[in-house]
Amino acid sequence: IYSVLARRFIFLKYLCFCIDSQVRSQDSRSYEELFRSLSMT
């Protein structure tokens, strides 16, 4: 259980970093692609 939570925490941190980068670049297209890849997982 701990490893799963840790993996999710790391994934969320990475996701937030990606979202922050996309928001800064104002690229809504890759922002949508990021959400698509997220819902696929």
PDB file of N, CA and C in Angstrom:
ATOM      1  N   ILE A   1       0.847  -1.200   0.000  1.00  0.00           N
ATOM      2  CA  ILE A   1       0.000   0.000   0.000  1.00  0.00           C
ATOM      3  C   ILE A   1       0.884   1.252   0.000  1.00  0.00           C
ATOM      4  N   TYR A   2       1.948   1.218   0.804  1.00  0.00           N
ATOM      5  CA  TYR A   2       2.824   2.392   0.912  1.00  0.00           C
ATOM      6  C   TYR A   2       3.486   2.715  -0.428  1.00  0.00           C
ATOM      7  N   SER A   3       3.933   1.669  -1.118  1.00  0.00           N
ATOM      8  CA  SER A   3       4.608   1.906  -2.394  1.00  0.00           C
ATOM      9  C   SER A   3       3.651   2.523  -3.410  1.00  0.00           C
ATOM     10  N   VAL A   4       2.394   2.097  -3.368  1.00  0.00           N
ATOM     11  CA  VAL A   4       1.401   2.650  -4.296  1.00  0.00           C
ATOM     12  C   VAL A   4       1.162   4.124  -3.992  1.00  0.00           C
ATOM     13  N   LEU A   5       1.041   4.447  -2.704  1.00  0.00           N
ATOM     14  CA  LEU A   5       0.820   5.844  -2.325  1.00  0.00           C
ATOM     15  C   LEU A   5       2.026   6.694  -2.699  1.00  0.00           C
ATOM     16  N   ALA A   6       3.211   6.168  -2.452  1.00  0.00           N
ATOM     17  CA  ALA A   6       4.428   6.911  -2.794  1.00  0.00           C
ATOM     18  C   ALA A   6       4.505   7.138  -4.296  1.00  0.00           C
ATOM     19  N   ARG A   7       4.151   6.111  -5.056  1.00  0.00           N
ATOM     20  CA  ARG A   7       4.182   6.238  -6.511  1.00  0.00           C
ATOM     21  C   ARG A   7       3.179   7.295  -6.968  1.00  0.00           C
ATOM     22  N   ARG A   8       2.002   7.299  -6.345  1.00  0.00           N
ATOM     23  CA  ARG A   8       0.990   8.286  -6.720  1.00  0.00           C
ATOM     24  C   ARG A   8       1.448   9.695  -6.361  1.00  0.00           C
ATOM     25  N   PHE A   9       2.082   9.819  -5.204  1.00  0.00           N
ATOM     26  CA  PHE A   9       2.555  11.129  -4.762  1.00  0.00           C
ATOM     27  C   PHE A   9       3.608  11.667  -5.731  1.00  0.00           C
ATOM     28  N   ILE A  10       4.537  10.793  -6.130  1.00  0.00           N
ATOM     29  CA  ILE A  10       5.573  11.200  -7.082  1.00  0.00           C
ATOM     30  C   ILE A  10       4.939  11.555  -8.420  1.00  0.00           C
ATOM     31  N   PHE A  11       3.942  10.765  -8.843  1.00  0.00           N
ATOM     32  CA  PHE A  11       3.269  11.017 -10.114  1.00  0.00           C
ATOM     33  C   PHE A  11       2.535  12.352 -10.076  1.00  0.00           C
ATOM     34  N   LEU A  12       1.865  12.640  -8.947  1.00  0.00           N
ATOM     35  CA  LEU A  12       1.145  13.904  -8.817  1.00  0.00           C
ATOM     36  C   LEU A  12       2.114  15.079  -8.833  1.00  0.00           C
ATOM     37  N   LYS A  13       3.255  14.904  -8.169  1.00  0.00           N
ATOM     38  CA  LYS A  13       4.270  15.970  -8.171  1.00  0.00           C
ATOM     39  C   LYS A  13       4.758  16.221  -9.586  1.00  0.00           C
ATOM     40  N   TYR A  14       5.013  15.134 -10.321  1.00  0.00           N
ATOM     41  CA  TYR A  14       5.471  15.251 -11.703  1.00  0.00           C
ATOM     42  C   TYR A  14       4.390  15.887 -12.570  1.00  0.00           C
ATOM     43  N   LEU A  15       3.132  15.494 -12.319  1.00  0.00           N
ATOM     44  CA  LEU A  15       2.020  16.038 -13.085  1.00  0.00           C
ATOM     45  C   LEU A  15       1.879  17.534 -12.842  1.00  0.00           C
ATOM     46  N   CYS A  16       1.979  17.947 -11.576  1.00  0.00           N
ATOM     47  CA  CYS A  16       1.886  19.371 -11.245  1.00  0.00           C
ATOM     48  C   CYS A  16       3.002  20.144 -11.927  1.00  0.00           C
ATOM     49  N   PHE A  17       4.187  19.539 -11.977  1.00  0.00           N
ATOM     50  CA  PHE A  17       5.314  20.193 -12.638  1.00  0.00           C
ATOM     51  C   PHE A  17       5.035  20.365 -14.128  1.00  0.00           C
ATOM     52  N   CYS A  18       4.471  19.333 -14.747  1.00  0.00           N
ATOM     53  CA  CYS A  18       4.144  19.405 -16.173  1.00  0.00           C
ATOM     54  C   CYS A  18       3.074  20.455 -16.422  1.00  0.00           C
ATOM     55  N   ILE A  19       2.038  20.460 -15.586  1.00  0.00           N
ATOM     56  CA  ILE A  19       0.958  21.431 -15.742  1.00  0.00           C
ATOM     57  C   ILE A  19       1.501  22.847 -15.582  1.00  0.00           C
ATOM     58  N   ASP A  20       2.385  23.035 -14.605  1.00  0.00           N
ATOM     59  CA  ASP A  20       2.966  24.354 -14.379  1.00  0.00           C
ATOM     60  C   ASP A  20       3.745  24.805 -15.608  1.00  0.00           C
ATOM     61  N   SER A  21       4.482  23.889 -16.213  1.00  0.00           N
ATOM     62  CA  SER A  21       5.255  24.233 -17.403  1.00  0.00           C
ATOM     63  C   SER A  21       4.329  24.582 -18.558  1.00  0.00           C
ATOM     64  N   GLN A  22       3.250  23.808 -18.705  1.00  0.00           N
ATOM     65  CA  GLN A  22       2.315  24.061 -19.797  1.00  0.00           C
ATOM     66  C   GLN A  22       1.603  25.390 -19.607  1.00  0.00           C
ATOM     67  N   VAL A  23       1.231  25.702 -18.368  1.00  0.00           N
ATOM     68  CA  VAL A  23       0.539  26.960 -18.100  1.00  0.00           C
ATOM     69  C   VAL A  23       1.469  28.137 -18.389  1.00  0.00           C
ATOM     70  N   ARG A  24       2.732  27.979 -18.042  1.00  0.00           N
ATOM     71  CA  ARG A  24       3.694  29.064 -18.279  1.00  0.00           C
ATOM     72  C   ARG A  24       3.896  29.289 -19.765  1.00  0.00           C
ATOM     73  N   SER A  25       3.909  28.215 -20.536  1.00  0.00           N
ATOM     74  CA  SER A  25       4.115  28.348 -21.977  1.00  0.00           C
ATOM     75  C   SER A  25       2.812  28.697 -22.691  1.00  0.00           C
ATOM     76  N   GLN A  26       1.690  28.644 -21.942  1.00  0.00           N
ATOM     77  CA  GLN A  26       0.377  28.983 -22.508  1.00  0.00           C
ATOM     78  C   GLN A  26       0.058  28.105 -23.717  1.00  0.00           C
ATOM     79  N   ASP A  27       0.437  26.830 -23.643  1.00  0.00           N
ATOM     80  CA  ASP A  27       0.157  25.918 -24.746  1.00  0.00           C
ATOM     81  C   ASP A  27      -1.029  25.046 -24.357  1.00  0.00           C
ATOM     82  N   SER A  28      -2.220  25.471 -24.731  1.00  0.00           N
ATOM     83  CA  SER A  28      -3.429  24.763 -24.301  1.00  0.00           C
ATOM     84  C   SER A  28      -3.540  23.398 -24.976  1.00  0.00           C
ATOM     85  N   ARG A  29      -2.934  23.253 -26.148  1.00  0.00           N
ATOM     86  CA  ARG A  29      -3.057  21.986 -26.864  1.00  0.00           C
ATOM     87  C   ARG A  29      -2.334  20.873 -26.122  1.00  0.00           C
ATOM     88  N   SER A  30      -1.084  21.112 -25.726  1.00  0.00           N
ATOM     89  CA  SER A  30      -0.367  20.077 -24.981  1.00  0.00           C
ATOM     90  C   SER A  30      -0.975  19.909 -23.598  1.00  0.00           C
ATOM     91  N   TYR A  31      -1.623  20.982 -23.103  1.00  0.00           N
ATOM     92  CA  TYR A  31      -2.308  20.886 -21.811  1.00  0.00           C
ATOM     93  C   TYR A  31      -3.450  19.884 -21.901  1.00  0.00           C
ATOM     94  N   GLU A  32      -4.179  19.919 -23.014  1.00  0.00           N
ATOM     95  CA  GLU A  32      -5.271  18.957 -23.205  1.00  0.00           C
ATOM     96  C   GLU A  32      -4.715  17.558 -23.412  1.00  0.00           C
ATOM     97  N   GLU A  33      -3.614  17.460 -24.124  1.00  0.00           N
ATOM     98  CA  GLU A  33      -2.996  16.151 -24.342  1.00  0.00           C
ATOM     99  C   GLU A  33      -2.533  15.555 -23.024  1.00  0.00           C
ATOM    100  N   LEU A  34      -2.058  16.428 -22.129  1.00  0.00           N
ATOM    101  CA  LEU A  34      -1.617  15.956 -20.817  1.00  0.00           C
ATOM    102  C   LEU A  34      -2.785  15.360 -20.049  1.00  0.00           C
ATOM    103  N   PHE A  35      -3.937  16.028 -20.118  1.00  0.00           N
ATOM    104  CA  PHE A  35      -5.111  15.513 -19.424  1.00  0.00           C
ATOM    105  C   PHE A  35      -5.599  14.213 -20.058  1.00  0.00           C
ATOM    106  N   ARG A  36      -5.459  14.121 -21.389  1.00  0.00           N
ATOM    107  CA  ARG A  36      -5.884  12.901 -22.068  1.00  0.00           C
ATOM    108  C   ARG A  36      -5.032  11.722 -21.617  1.00  0.00           C
ATOM    109  N   SER A  37      -3.729  11.940 -21.540  1.00  0.00           N
ATOM    110  CA  SER A  37      -2.840  10.855 -21.104  1.00  0.00           C
ATOM    111  C   SER A  37      -3.096  10.513 -19.644  1.00  0.00           C
ATOM    112  N   LEU A  38      -3.535  11.514 -18.868  1.00  0.00           N
ATOM    113  CA  LEU A  38      -3.816  11.265 -17.453  1.00  0.00           C
ATOM    114  C   LEU A  38      -5.056  10.389 -17.304  1.00  0.00           C
ATOM    115  N   SER A  39      -6.114  10.702 -18.058  1.00  0.00           N
ATOM    116  CA  SER A  39      -7.343   9.923 -17.939  1.00  0.00           C
ATOM    117  C   SER A  39      -7.160   8.519 -18.504  1.00  0.00           C
ATOM    118  N   MET A  40      -6.182   8.345 -19.384  1.00  0.00           N
ATOM    119  CA  MET A  40      -5.932   7.010 -19.925  1.00  0.00           C
ATOM    120  C   MET A  40      -5.299   6.104 -18.877  1.00  0.00           C
ATOM    121  N   THR A  41      -4.511   6.669 -17.990  1.00  0.00           N
ATOM    122  CA  THR A  41      -3.821   5.829 -17.000  1.00  0.00           C
ATOM    123  C   THR A  41      -4.698   5.395 -15.864  1.00  0.00           C
TER     124      THR A  41
END
